[in-house]
Amino acid sequence: MNDTPLEVWVLDDDAAIRWVMEKALRSAGMTCRVFDAGQGFRNALASAVPDVFVTDVRMPDDDGLVLLEELAGTHPDLPVIVVTAHSDLESAVAAYRGGAFEYLPKPFDVDDAIELVQRAAAHGKSTAAPAKAPEYPTLIGQSAAMQEVFRAIGRLSRSSMTVLITGESGTGKELVARALHEHSPRAAQPFIALNTSAIPSELLESELFGHERGAFTGADARRVGRFEQANGGTLFLDEIGDMSPALQARLLRVLAEGEFYRVGGQVPIRVDVRVIAATHHDLRRRAAAGDFREDLYHRLNVMQVETPPLRLRGADIGILLGHYLRVAGEELGVAPKRLASEAESALARFDWPGNVRQLVNACRRLTVTAPGREIRLADIPAEIGGGQPAVAENDWTRALGAWAESSLEAGDTPLLASAQPDFERTLIQAALARVGGKRQEAARLLGCGRNTLTRKIRELGLEL
């Protein structure tokens, strides 16, 4: 058994990050060497190689992604963890495509970082050749839930495997599908999207597979279907859970054999198409109940990406509102409007049952209806959280008292066990939303330590 401690090198221009990482790694029984500049790391690498390398992305004298590309050529077996404060899709995809073992957005939990270092040392990393990541700015988010989506897209960026995207309506499943295509080897080929629930079942077969002239009444000419249009690229099938059993069987054949017949056709047509499907249904449950073919479910569910509902993305609501108010202004040819603090707070508290789609439409509506450049609380319709003034001091305690009396009357005890998780969840979500998801700042607002906050987030399931 090898008892030699892991050697980890850390490159970051932030002295606080270097100090925290060095202390944590040494406390975990590892040796650590820190660098504040890329050249110092390169010089050290000439005479030794660490077990794991942790690097920042944006530094005054260097670029972590450029360094990652160099290491892919010179030290392809060195596991690299990329750390960055710029937690967007482009950074995630660029890191994975450059060969990073993992991508870690700042601020991060130290315990998570140590666990990641240990996994990197144990499992090594991919040595695939790096490729330039194309730009695709439409997916926005800093929340933990969106970081998981970015990581999934990054991990799949070198593959063309079938993907099933799940999530509630309005959560951006097509945006994720487009990002998967744009960051794949098929990016230069067609991306064809089809909402299968928007087309009558008797017409969907022709829409997917095409038809020959005279195949049915009204078929006056040959039609090329969506599978042929997407040949070499990606076909996105939205709301796949609503597809009829007969079409499910035909789709299964295409996925299994790569060929099909046009409606009324006699000659098989071979295609090379990556299929990305999406649904708001629980297909596993529907398959178990016999409402969806189980064999097709397993064909589609090679990899799964779940798009989170907006209510679990509190840290993103302000960012999304600002972005889509700017977009709405551009669409309508007017200066973008801004939100007054009370209006933004009301929208941040709203549950958004229609998710991002509802938020986008709300931004368009408010851009048209709100007078002046600033959107005030009075301008927000009640249906999206307006018309509700801020809760007066102690109103919440009276509401809590009424709930307690009602619960005791109904025999629902113990009260603390029932109320405390919801109480803590509400305060934590409010604090995270206020500071854009930055845990250190949220912990300060809550009056607790960062590690305590991280533990509470895990216990309350707020990282989903």
Foldseek 3Di string as FASTA:
>chain_A
DDPAAFEEEEEALDPVVVVLLCVLSVVVVHHYHYHNDDVVVVVVVVPDAGLEYEYEADHPHDGVLVVLLVCLVVPVQHAYEYEYQPLDLQVLQSCLLSWHQYYHYPPDDSVVVNVSSVVCSVPTTDSDHHDHQDDDHPDDADALLVSLLSNVLNNLLADLAFEEEEEAAQLCPVSSVLSSQCSYPLNVADEAEDAQVVDPQVCVLCQAAWAAQPLDPPRNHTGHHPQVNRFSGEYEYEAPLPHDPVVLVQVLCCLVPQWHARRVGDDIDHGDYRYYYYHHDPVVVCCVVVSHPPSSVCRNVPDYHYRYFVQLRLLCQVVLLVVLLCVLCVVVVHHRAEEDPQLSVQLSPFNPPNGSVVSNVQSNVLNPQPPDRYRYLCSHDVVRRGPDDDDDPCPVVVVVVVVVVVCVVVVNDDPCVVPVLVVVVVLLSSLCSVVSNNQCSSCVVVVHHSVVSVVSCVVSVSSD
